[in-house]
Amino acid sequence: MRLIYVLSAVLAIAGSARNSLARGEAAQYSGELEVEAAAEAKQQVPKSDYVIELDRAVYHSVLEAHDTVFIEFYANWCAACHAMSSEFDAFAKAVSKKYPNVAIARADITKVEYLSSSYMVSMLPELVFIRRPSPGVTPEVRYVSANFTTPDLLDYIGGGWTVDKPVGDYTSLWCTPTNLCGHIGGLIGECVVTLDTRFNRFDLPPWAFTAVFVSVLYLLGQVVIGLLSRVFRRRYRAHINQKFDDTIRGTANAPSTPKAESKSSGQGSATKRTKSKTSKKD
């Protein structure tokens, strides 16, 4: 009995020690998570109550609800975006008072690939001014050339946008980031990111990996089309040969009576001609 008590006591001590170690590891892990979250928060561009954070759905709803939209494209790893975030927030606050009908928005290119591909963002921060001239028409898109200061950006919204030409033609606007061209570009960008995330195991750049992936699919498609075309060609040739053989057999087995009839008909006509000649002589 004493041995049983000793073993149970040892097991209880071991279990409590294990639980204490697990609690210590959990506390340490939670502390590490808090540190990582704090570091990540420091690396993120600060949010603002006057700026709309865009994703694909919010972007389309904002574009439908407002005739004038001002968008900043940014990324958390962009040092210039961090440096100019306070100025952009001050600008957004000033716009809310002076131009309340203008929507000020912001899009993180690392999270909304659809928008960064639609607008072909090539620099950060990138400012875009969207204006619909009249209800129901395609909005005009301009890449802002004004200085990144609150007074200059306010003047730009007030009428300075006329110095920048819109993307596409003035009359038709047949290809802009807000119509079918932009939608197709956004979908292509999303497909590139999806392929890179799921299948890229070689650390290739996204566009390079997508080019390789599409090339492989193209070659496989060519092989499949070649095999199918061979099968259909063989079937077509077999069908033509069978039809030709049936034609030859039909002509070989045809009766020869029409020729005899033609000869007899020829003789009959000859006798008729001789009778007519004799009648003329008489």
C-alpha atoms as a PDB file:
ATOM      1  CA  MET A   1       0.000   0.000   0.000  1.00  0.00           C
ATOM      2  CA  ARG A   2       2.807   2.424   0.807  1.00  0.00           C
ATOM      3  CA  LEU A   3       4.285   1.742  -2.627  1.00  0.00           C
ATOM      4  CA  ILE A   4       0.967   2.697  -4.248  1.00  0.00           C
ATOM      5  CA  TYR A   5       0.796   5.927  -2.225  1.00  0.00           C
ATOM      6  CA  VAL A   6       4.355   6.799  -3.230  1.00  0.00           C
ATOM      7  CA  LEU A   7       3.667   6.155  -6.919  1.00  0.00           C
ATOM      8  CA  SER A   8       0.474   8.220  -6.854  1.00  0.00           C
ATOM      9  CA  ALA A   9       2.310  11.098  -5.158  1.00  0.00           C
ATOM     10  CA  VAL A  10       5.082  10.965  -7.760  1.00  0.00           C
ATOM     11  CA  LEU A  11       2.532  11.003 -10.584  1.00  0.00           C
ATOM     12  CA  ALA A  12       0.696  13.953  -9.023  1.00  0.00           C
ATOM     13  CA  ILE A  13       3.939  15.922  -8.665  1.00  0.00           C
ATOM     14  CA  ALA A  14       4.881  15.138 -12.271  1.00  0.00           C
ATOM     15  CA  GLY A  15       1.443  16.205 -13.517  1.00  0.00           C
ATOM     16  CA  SER A  16       1.558  19.504 -11.639  1.00  0.00           C
ATOM     17  CA  ALA A  17       5.051  20.172 -12.944  1.00  0.00           C
ATOM     18  CA  ARG A  18       3.923  19.447 -16.484  1.00  0.00           C
ATOM     19  CA  ASN A  19       0.932  21.768 -16.096  1.00  0.00           C
ATOM     20  CA  SER A  20       3.114  24.547 -14.721  1.00  0.00           C
ATOM     21  CA  LEU A  21       5.514  24.162 -17.648  1.00  0.00           C
ATOM     22  CA  ALA A  22       2.616  24.251 -20.105  1.00  0.00           C
ATOM     23  CA  ARG A  23       1.255  27.413 -18.456  1.00  0.00           C
ATOM     24  CA  GLY A  24       4.696  28.967 -18.608  1.00  0.00           C
ATOM     25  CA  GLU A  25       5.080  28.115 -22.296  1.00  0.00           C
ATOM     26  CA  ALA A  26       1.594  29.475 -23.040  1.00  0.00           C
ATOM     27  CA  ALA A  27       2.382  32.697 -21.201  1.00  0.00           C
ATOM     28  CA  GLN A  28       5.659  33.035 -23.052  1.00  0.00           C
ATOM     29  CA  TYR A  29       3.947  32.345 -26.395  1.00  0.00           C
ATOM     30  CA  SER A  30       1.208  34.899 -25.680  1.00  0.00           C
ATOM     31  CA  GLY A  31       3.863  37.424 -24.711  1.00  0.00           C
ATOM     32  CA  GLU A  32       5.668  36.805 -28.000  1.00  0.00           C
ATOM     33  CA  LEU A  33       2.412  37.256 -29.887  1.00  0.00           C
ATOM     34  CA  GLU A  34       1.791  40.561 -28.139  1.00  0.00           C
ATOM     35  CA  VAL A  35       5.279  41.739 -29.028  1.00  0.00           C
ATOM     36  CA  GLU A  36       4.807  40.707 -32.653  1.00  0.00           C
ATOM     37  CA  ALA A  37       1.400  42.405 -32.786  1.00  0.00           C
ATOM     38  CA  ALA A  38       2.851  45.609 -31.355  1.00  0.00           C
ATOM     39  CA  ALA A  39       5.715  45.518 -33.867  1.00  0.00           C
ATOM     40  CA  GLU A  40       3.293  44.873 -36.699  1.00  0.00           C
ATOM     41  CA  ALA A  41       1.093  47.746 -35.557  1.00  0.00           C
ATOM     42  CA  LYS A  42       4.114  50.041 -35.651  1.00  0.00           C
ATOM     43  CA  GLN A  43       4.865  48.925 -39.203  1.00  0.00           C
ATOM     44  CA  GLN A  44       1.331  49.622 -40.435  1.00  0.00           C
ATOM     45  CA  VAL A  45       0.257  52.931 -41.884  1.00  0.00           C
ATOM     46  CA  PRO A  46      -2.079  54.548 -39.302  1.00  0.00           C
ATOM     47  CA  LYS A  47      -5.802  54.437 -40.006  1.00  0.00           C
ATOM     48  CA  SER A  48      -7.988  57.528 -40.130  1.00  0.00           C
ATOM     49  CA  ASP A  49     -11.661  58.201 -39.502  1.00  0.00           C
ATOM     50  CA  TYR A  50     -11.771  60.410 -42.583  1.00  0.00           C
ATOM     51  CA  VAL A  51     -10.255  57.845 -44.973  1.00  0.00           C
ATOM     52  CA  ILE A  52     -12.133  54.832 -46.378  1.00  0.00           C
ATOM     53  CA  GLU A  53     -10.077  51.624 -46.454  1.00  0.00           C
ATOM     54  CA  LEU A  54     -10.801  49.932 -49.753  1.00  0.00           C
ATOM     55  CA  ASP A  55     -11.229  46.355 -50.759  1.00  0.00           C
ATOM     56  CA  ARG A  56     -12.821  45.154 -53.976  1.00  0.00           C
ATOM     57  CA  ALA A  57     -16.442  45.336 -52.772  1.00  0.00           C
ATOM     58  CA  VAL A  58     -16.037  48.655 -50.933  1.00  0.00           C
ATOM     59  CA  TYR A  59     -14.307  50.150 -53.990  1.00  0.00           C
ATOM     60  CA  HIS A  60     -17.261  49.405 -56.284  1.00  0.00           C
ATOM     61  CA  SER A  61     -19.789  50.677 -53.737  1.00  0.00           C
ATOM     62  CA  VAL A  62     -17.831  53.926 -53.236  1.00  0.00           C
ATOM     63  CA  LEU A  63     -17.538  54.403 -56.990  1.00  0.00           C
ATOM     64  CA  GLU A  64     -21.293  54.004 -57.392  1.00  0.00           C
ATOM     65  CA  ALA A  65     -22.190  56.297 -54.498  1.00  0.00           C
ATOM     66  CA  HIS A  66     -19.804  59.204 -55.259  1.00  0.00           C
ATOM     67  CA  ASP A  67     -19.131  61.193 -58.408  1.00  0.00           C
ATOM     68  CA  THR A  68     -15.707  62.270 -57.113  1.00  0.00           C
ATOM     69  CA  VAL A  69     -13.256  59.924 -55.404  1.00  0.00           C
ATOM     70  CA  PHE A  70      -9.657  60.529 -54.314  1.00  0.00           C
ATOM     71  CA  ILE A  71      -7.573  57.375 -53.743  1.00  0.00           C
ATOM     72  CA  GLU A  72      -4.127  56.876 -52.241  1.00  0.00           C
ATOM     73  CA  PHE A  73      -2.328  53.623 -53.032  1.00  0.00           C
ATOM     74  CA  TYR A  74       0.120  52.618 -50.316  1.00  0.00           C
ATOM     75  CA  ALA A  75       1.874  49.678 -48.657  1.00  0.00           C
ATOM     76  CA  ASN A  76       2.946  49.105 -45.064  1.00  0.00           C
ATOM     77  CA  TRP A  77       6.528  48.425 -46.144  1.00  0.00           C
ATOM     78  CA  CYS A  78       6.688  51.795 -47.974  1.00  0.00           C
ATOM     79  CA  ALA A  79       8.722  54.290 -45.931  1.00  0.00           C
ATOM     80  CA  ALA A  80       7.395  57.259 -47.932  1.00  0.00           C
ATOM     81  CA  CYS A  81       3.818  56.155 -47.203  1.00  0.00           C
ATOM     82  CA  HIS A  82       4.546  56.208 -43.475  1.00  0.00           C
ATOM     83  CA  ALA A  83       6.178  59.616 -43.756  1.00  0.00           C
ATOM     84  CA  MET A  84       3.232  61.120 -45.661  1.00  0.00           C
ATOM     85  CA  SER A  85       0.402  59.391 -43.779  1.00  0.00           C
ATOM     86  CA  SER A  86      -0.129  62.312 -41.345  1.00  0.00           C
ATOM     87  CA  GLU A  87      -0.287  64.794 -44.220  1.00  0.00           C
ATOM     88  CA  PHE A  88      -2.815  62.641 -46.065  1.00  0.00           C
ATOM     89  CA  ASP A  89      -4.951  62.337 -42.929  1.00  0.00           C
ATOM     90  CA  ALA A  90      -4.913  66.129 -42.507  1.00  0.00           C
ATOM     91  CA  PHE A  91      -5.891  66.495 -46.157  1.00  0.00           C
ATOM     92  CA  ALA A  92      -8.774  64.023 -45.723  1.00  0.00           C
ATOM     93  CA  LYS A  93     -10.029  65.921 -42.675  1.00  0.00           C
ATOM     94  CA  ALA A  94      -9.914  69.204 -44.570  1.00  0.00           C
ATOM     95  CA  VAL A  95     -11.784  67.672 -47.527  1.00  0.00           C
ATOM     96  CA  SER A  96     -14.555  66.420 -45.249  1.00  0.00           C
ATOM     97  CA  LYS A  97     -15.225  70.037 -44.254  1.00  0.00           C
ATOM     98  CA  LYS A  98     -14.661  71.821 -47.575  1.00  0.00           C
ATOM     99  CA  TYR A  99     -15.844  69.183 -50.055  1.00  0.00           C
ATOM    100  CA  PRO A 100     -18.162  66.806 -48.156  1.00  0.00           C
ATOM    101  CA  ASN A 101     -19.333  65.073 -51.343  1.00  0.00           C
ATOM    102  CA  VAL A 102     -15.811  63.907 -52.204  1.00  0.00           C
ATOM    103  CA  ALA A 103     -14.831  60.451 -50.946  1.00  0.00           C
ATOM    104  CA  ILE A 104     -11.246  60.078 -49.703  1.00  0.00           C
ATOM    105  CA  ALA A 105     -10.055  56.472 -49.817  1.00  0.00           C
ATOM    106  CA  ARG A 106      -6.917  54.424 -49.398  1.00  0.00           C
ATOM    107  CA  ALA A 107      -5.926  51.018 -50.832  1.00  0.00           C
ATOM    108  CA  ASP A 108      -3.167  48.708 -49.624  1.00  0.00           C
ATOM    109  CA  ILE A 109      -1.647  47.195 -52.768  1.00  0.00           C
ATOM    110  CA  THR A 110      -0.519  44.083 -50.880  1.00  0.00           C
ATOM    111  CA  LYS A 111      -4.104  43.291 -49.848  1.00  0.00           C
ATOM    112  CA  VAL A 112      -6.139  44.541 -52.818  1.00  0.00           C
ATOM    113  CA  GLU A 113      -4.339  43.201 -55.860  1.00  0.00           C
ATOM    114  CA  TYR A 114      -7.466  43.816 -57.920  1.00  0.00           C
ATOM    115  CA  LEU A 115      -7.106  47.601 -57.552  1.00  0.00           C
ATOM    116  CA  SER A 116      -3.335  47.814 -57.920  1.00  0.00           C
ATOM    117  CA  SER A 117      -3.604  45.817 -61.165  1.00  0.00           C
ATOM    118  CA  SER A 118      -6.598  47.811 -62.420  1.00  0.00           C
ATOM    119  CA  TYR A 119      -4.746  51.100 -61.985  1.00  0.00           C
ATOM    120  CA  MET A 120      -1.296  49.720 -62.902  1.00  0.00           C
ATOM    121  CA  VAL A 121       0.309  51.254 -59.812  1.00  0.00           C
ATOM    122  CA  SER A 122       3.992  51.849 -60.512  1.00  0.00           C
ATOM    123  CA  MET A 123       5.026  54.067 -57.577  1.00  0.00           C
ATOM    124  CA  LEU A 124       4.128  54.591 -53.921  1.00  0.00           C
ATOM    125  CA  PRO A 125       2.333  56.515 -52.685  1.00  0.00           C
ATOM    126  CA  GLU A 126       0.237  56.869 -55.839  1.00  0.00           C
ATOM    127  CA  LEU A 127      -2.625  59.393 -55.890  1.00  0.00           C
ATOM    128  CA  VAL A 128      -5.588  58.926 -58.222  1.00  0.00           C
ATOM    129  CA  PHE A 129      -8.446  61.348 -58.837  1.00  0.00           C
ATOM    130  CA  ILE A 130     -11.720  59.899 -60.170  1.00  0.00           C
ATOM    131  CA  ARG A 131     -14.422  62.238 -61.425  1.00  0.00           C
ATOM    132  CA  ARG A 132     -17.709  61.468 -63.183  1.00  0.00           C
ATOM    133  CA  PRO A 133     -18.592  64.410 -65.503  1.00  0.00           C
ATOM    134  CA  SER A 134     -22.314  63.603 -65.528  1.00  0.00           C
ATOM    135  CA  PRO A 135     -24.551  60.869 -64.116  1.00  0.00           C
ATOM    136  CA  GLY A 136     -24.400  57.539 -65.916  1.00  0.00           C
ATOM    137  CA  VAL A 137     -21.181  58.123 -67.870  1.00  0.00           C
ATOM    138  CA  THR A 138     -17.787  56.487 -67.418  1.00  0.00           C
ATOM    139  CA  PRO A 139     -15.759  58.226 -64.676  1.00  0.00           C
ATOM    140  CA  GLU A 140     -12.574  59.995 -65.709  1.00  0.00           C
ATOM    141  CA  VAL A 141      -9.371  58.769 -64.051  1.00  0.00           C
ATOM    142  CA  ARG A 142      -6.391  61.080 -63.530  1.00  0.00           C
ATOM    143  CA  TYR A 143      -3.054  60.384 -61.918  1.00  0.00           C
ATOM    144  CA  VAL A 144      -2.465  63.346 -59.625  1.00  0.00           C
ATOM    145  CA  SER A 145       0.562  65.477 -60.453  1.00  0.00           C
ATOM    146  CA  ALA A 146       0.063  67.972 -57.590  1.00  0.00           C
ATOM    147  CA  ASN A 147       2.457  68.161 -54.643  1.00  0.00           C
ATOM    148  CA  PHE A 148       1.654  65.938 -51.670  1.00  0.00           C
ATOM    149  CA  THR A 149       0.555  68.781 -49.392  1.00  0.00           C
ATOM    150  CA  THR A 150      -2.865  69.639 -48.030  1.00  0.00           C
ATOM    151  CA  PRO A 151      -3.188  73.073 -49.756  1.00  0.00           C
ATOM    152  CA  ASP A 152      -2.058  71.763 -53.159  1.00  0.00           C
ATOM    153  CA  LEU A 153      -4.324  68.727 -52.999  1.00  0.00           C
ATOM    154  CA  LEU A 154      -7.291  70.888 -51.969  1.00  0.00           C
ATOM    155  CA  ASP A 155      -6.624  73.190 -54.913  1.00  0.00           C
ATOM    156  CA  TYR A 156      -6.441  70.114 -57.137  1.00  0.00           C
ATOM    157  CA  ILE A 157      -9.915  68.983 -56.096  1.00  0.00           C
ATOM    158  CA  GLY A 158     -11.225  72.547 -56.482  1.00  0.00           C
ATOM    159  CA  GLY A 159     -10.284  72.666 -60.175  1.00  0.00           C
ATOM    160  CA  GLY A 160      -6.583  71.967 -60.500  1.00  0.00           C
ATOM    161  CA  TRP A 161      -7.390  68.527 -61.903  1.00  0.00           C
ATOM    162  CA  THR A 162      -7.783  70.121 -65.350  1.00  0.00           C
ATOM    163  CA  VAL A 163      -3.985  70.170 -65.777  1.00  0.00           C
ATOM    164  CA  ASP A 164      -3.917  66.355 -65.941  1.00  0.00           C
ATOM    165  CA  LYS A 165      -5.344  64.452 -68.860  1.00  0.00           C
ATOM    166  CA  PRO A 166      -7.649  61.531 -68.060  1.00  0.00           C
ATOM    167  CA  VAL A 167      -6.728  57.989 -68.953  1.00  0.00           C
ATOM    168  CA  GLY A 168      -8.281  57.116 -72.316  1.00  0.00           C
ATOM    169  CA  ASP A 169      -9.943  59.413 -74.810  1.00  0.00           C
ATOM    170  CA  TYR A 170     -11.933  62.460 -73.733  1.00  0.00           C
ATOM    171  CA  THR A 171     -15.032  61.498 -75.720  1.00  0.00           C
ATOM    172  CA  SER A 172     -15.231  57.721 -75.523  1.00  0.00           C
ATOM    173  CA  LEU A 173     -13.048  56.720 -72.550  1.00  0.00           C
ATOM    174  CA  TRP A 174     -12.970  53.272 -74.132  1.00  0.00           C
ATOM    175  CA  CYS A 175     -10.271  51.831 -71.869  1.00  0.00           C
ATOM    176  CA  THR A 176      -9.926  53.134 -68.301  1.00  0.00           C
ATOM    177  CA  PRO A 177      -9.340  51.524 -64.884  1.00  0.00           C
ATOM    178  CA  THR A 178     -13.034  52.011 -64.056  1.00  0.00           C
ATOM    179  CA  ASN A 179     -14.573  50.103 -66.976  1.00  0.00           C
ATOM    180  CA  LEU A 180     -14.031  46.718 -68.638  1.00  0.00           C
ATOM    181  CA  CYS A 181     -10.295  47.207 -69.210  1.00  0.00           C
ATOM    182  CA  GLY A 182      -9.691  47.867 -65.535  1.00  0.00           C
ATOM    183  CA  HIS A 183     -11.901  44.953 -64.513  1.00  0.00           C
ATOM    184  CA  ILE A 184      -9.989  42.539 -66.749  1.00  0.00           C
ATOM    185  CA  GLY A 185      -6.662  43.872 -65.489  1.00  0.00           C
ATOM    186  CA  GLY A 186      -7.807  43.447 -61.900  1.00  0.00           C
ATOM    187  CA  LEU A 187      -8.906  39.860 -62.493  1.00  0.00           C
ATOM    188  CA  ILE A 188      -5.572  39.046 -64.138  1.00  0.00           C
ATOM    189  CA  GLY A 189      -3.745  40.492 -61.143  1.00  0.00           C
ATOM    190  CA  GLU A 190      -5.810  38.411 -58.736  1.00  0.00           C
ATOM    191  CA  CYS A 191      -5.139  35.265 -60.774  1.00  0.00           C
ATOM    192  CA  VAL A 192      -1.412  35.979 -60.702  1.00  0.00           C
ATOM    193  CA  VAL A 193      -1.415  36.313 -56.916  1.00  0.00           C
ATOM    194  CA  THR A 194      -3.514  33.160 -56.503  1.00  0.00           C
ATOM    195  CA  LEU A 195      -1.218  31.095 -58.710  1.00  0.00           C
ATOM    196  CA  ASP A 196       1.872  32.462 -57.003  1.00  0.00           C
ATOM    197  CA  THR A 197       0.482  31.744 -53.542  1.00  0.00           C
ATOM    198  CA  ARG A 198      -0.687  28.201 -54.247  1.00  0.00           C
ATOM    199  CA  PHE A 199       1.845  26.785 -56.687  1.00  0.00           C
ATOM    200  CA  ASN A 200       5.045  28.830 -56.556  1.00  0.00           C
ATOM    201  CA  ARG A 201       7.558  26.737 -54.638  1.00  0.00           C
ATOM    202  CA  PHE A 202      10.666  28.111 -56.347  1.00  0.00           C
ATOM    203  CA  ASP A 203      10.628  31.706 -54.985  1.00  0.00           C
ATOM    204  CA  LEU A 204      10.190  33.097 -58.500  1.00  0.00           C
ATOM    205  CA  PRO A 205       8.718  36.574 -58.987  1.00  0.00           C
ATOM    206  CA  PRO A 206       4.921  36.364 -59.386  1.00  0.00           C
ATOM    207  CA  TRP A 207       4.848  37.519 -63.001  1.00  0.00           C
ATOM    208  CA  ALA A 208       7.721  35.214 -63.985  1.00  0.00           C
ATOM    209  CA  PHE A 209       6.051  32.240 -62.335  1.00  0.00           C
ATOM    210  CA  THR A 210       2.743  33.075 -64.025  1.00  0.00           C
ATOM    211  CA  ALA A 211       4.465  33.305 -67.408  1.00  0.00           C
ATOM    212  CA  VAL A 212       6.029  29.873 -66.866  1.00  0.00           C
ATOM    213  CA  PHE A 213       2.712  28.444 -65.668  1.00  0.00           C
ATOM    214  CA  VAL A 214       0.793  29.812 -68.657  1.00  0.00           C
ATOM    215  CA  SER A 215       3.490  28.577 -71.059  1.00  0.00           C
ATOM    216  CA  VAL A 216       3.257  25.062 -69.627  1.00  0.00           C
ATOM    217  CA  LEU A 217      -0.537  25.126 -69.932  1.00  0.00           C
ATOM    218  CA  TYR A 218      -0.214  26.337 -73.523  1.00  0.00           C
ATOM    219  CA  LEU A 219       2.153  23.496 -74.432  1.00  0.00           C
ATOM    220  CA  LEU A 220      -0.121  20.934 -72.790  1.00  0.00           C
ATOM    221  CA  GLY A 221      -3.066  22.389 -74.680  1.00  0.00           C
ATOM    222  CA  GLN A 222      -1.176  22.108 -77.964  1.00  0.00           C
ATOM    223  CA  VAL A 223      -0.376  18.460 -77.248  1.00  0.00           C
ATOM    224  CA  VAL A 224      -4.016  17.664 -76.430  1.00  0.00           C
ATOM    225  CA  ILE A 225      -5.264  19.498 -79.534  1.00  0.00           C
ATOM    226  CA  GLY A 226      -2.726  17.623 -81.681  1.00  0.00           C
ATOM    227  CA  LEU A 227      -3.868  14.250 -80.365  1.00  0.00           C
ATOM    228  CA  LEU A 228      -7.536  15.086 -80.850  1.00  0.00           C
ATOM    229  CA  SER A 229      -6.920  16.351 -84.376  1.00  0.00           C
ATOM    230  CA  ARG A 230      -5.178  13.083 -85.271  1.00  0.00           C
ATOM    231  CA  VAL A 231      -8.104  11.064 -83.985  1.00  0.00           C
ATOM    232  CA  PHE A 232     -10.615  13.144 -85.930  1.00  0.00           C
ATOM    233  CA  ARG A 233      -8.493  13.010 -89.114  1.00  0.00           C
ATOM    234  CA  ARG A 234      -8.343   9.206 -88.948  1.00  0.00           C
ATOM    235  CA  ARG A 235     -12.083   8.965 -88.477  1.00  0.00           C
ATOM    236  CA  TYR A 236     -12.708  11.367 -91.344  1.00  0.00           C
ATOM    237  CA  ARG A 237     -10.393   9.461 -93.701  1.00  0.00           C
ATOM    238  CA  ALA A 238     -12.022   6.160 -92.746  1.00  0.00           C
ATOM    239  CA  HIS A 239     -15.435   7.679 -93.466  1.00  0.00           C
ATOM    240  CA  ILE A 240     -14.304   9.004 -96.876  1.00  0.00           C
ATOM    241  CA  ASN A 241     -12.683   5.685 -97.837  1.00  0.00           C
ATOM    242  CA  GLN A 242     -15.807   3.772 -96.842  1.00  0.00           C
ATOM    243  CA  LYS A 243     -17.967   6.100 -98.896  1.00  0.00           C
ATOM    244  CA  PHE A 244     -15.639   5.735-101.919  1.00  0.00           C
ATOM    245  CA  ASP A 245     -15.687   1.930-101.665  1.00  0.00           C
ATOM    246  CA  ASP A 246     -19.465   1.906-101.503  1.00  0.00           C
ATOM    247  CA  THR A 247     -19.611   4.055-104.654  1.00  0.00           C
ATOM    248  CA  ILE A 248     -17.291   1.745-106.586  1.00  0.00           C
ATOM    249  CA  ARG A 249     -19.224  -1.337-105.521  1.00  0.00           C
ATOM    250  CA  GLY A 250     -22.484   0.280-106.584  1.00  0.00           C
ATOM    251  CA  THR A 251     -21.209   1.077-110.094  1.00  0.00           C
ATOM    252  CA  ALA A 252     -19.710  -2.401-110.504  1.00  0.00           C
ATOM    253  CA  ASN A 253     -22.971  -4.124-109.604  1.00  0.00           C
ATOM    254  CA  ALA A 254     -25.152  -1.881-111.799  1.00  0.00           C
ATOM    255  CA  PRO A 255     -27.175  -3.735-114.646  1.00  0.00           C
ATOM    256  CA  SER A 256     -26.113  -3.323-118.309  1.00  0.00           C
ATOM    257  CA  THR A 257     -29.653  -3.190-119.786  1.00  0.00           C
ATOM    258  CA  PRO A 258     -29.662   0.562-120.387  1.00  0.00           C
ATOM    259  CA  LYS A 259     -26.939   0.136-123.040  1.00  0.00           C
ATOM    260  CA  ALA A 260     -28.983  -2.469-124.953  1.00  0.00           C
ATOM    261  CA  GLU A 261     -31.975  -0.230-124.831  1.00  0.00           C
ATOM    262  CA  SER A 262     -29.950   2.638-126.181  1.00  0.00           C
ATOM    263  CA  LYS A 263     -28.742   0.502-129.057  1.00  0.00           C
ATOM    264  CA  SER A 264     -32.227  -0.658-129.903  1.00  0.00           C
ATOM    265  CA  SER A 265     -33.463   2.864-129.723  1.00  0.00           C
ATOM    266  CA  GLY A 266     -30.699   3.865-132.107  1.00  0.00           C
ATOM    267  CA  GLN A 267     -31.719   1.137-134.573  1.00  0.00           C
ATOM    268  CA  GLY A 268     -35.300   2.213-134.391  1.00  0.00           C
ATOM    269  CA  SER A 269     -34.416   5.761-135.243  1.00  0.00           C
ATOM    270  CA  ALA A 270     -32.313   4.542-138.183  1.00  0.00           C
ATOM    271  CA  THR A 271     -35.257   2.584-139.644  1.00  0.00           C
ATOM    272  CA  LYS A 272     -37.422   5.622-139.221  1.00  0.00           C
ATOM    273  CA  ARG A 273     -34.930   7.733-141.169  1.00  0.00           C
ATOM    274  CA  THR A 274     -34.781   5.164-144.017  1.00  0.00           C
ATOM    275  CA  LYS A 275     -38.555   5.051-144.254  1.00  0.00           C
ATOM    276  CA  SER A 276     -38.722   8.784-144.440  1.00  0.00           C
ATOM    277  CA  LYS A 277     -36.138   8.815-147.235  1.00  0.00           C
ATOM    278  CA  THR A 278     -38.076   6.276-149.269  1.00  0.00           C
ATOM    279  CA  SER A 279     -41.261   8.199-148.838  1.00  0.00           C
ATOM    280  CA  LYS A 280     -39.559  11.332-150.187  1.00  0.00           C
ATOM    281  CA  LYS A 281     -38.325   9.436-153.270  1.00  0.00           C
ATOM    282  CA  ASP A 282     -41.808   8.201-153.977  1.00  0.00           C
END
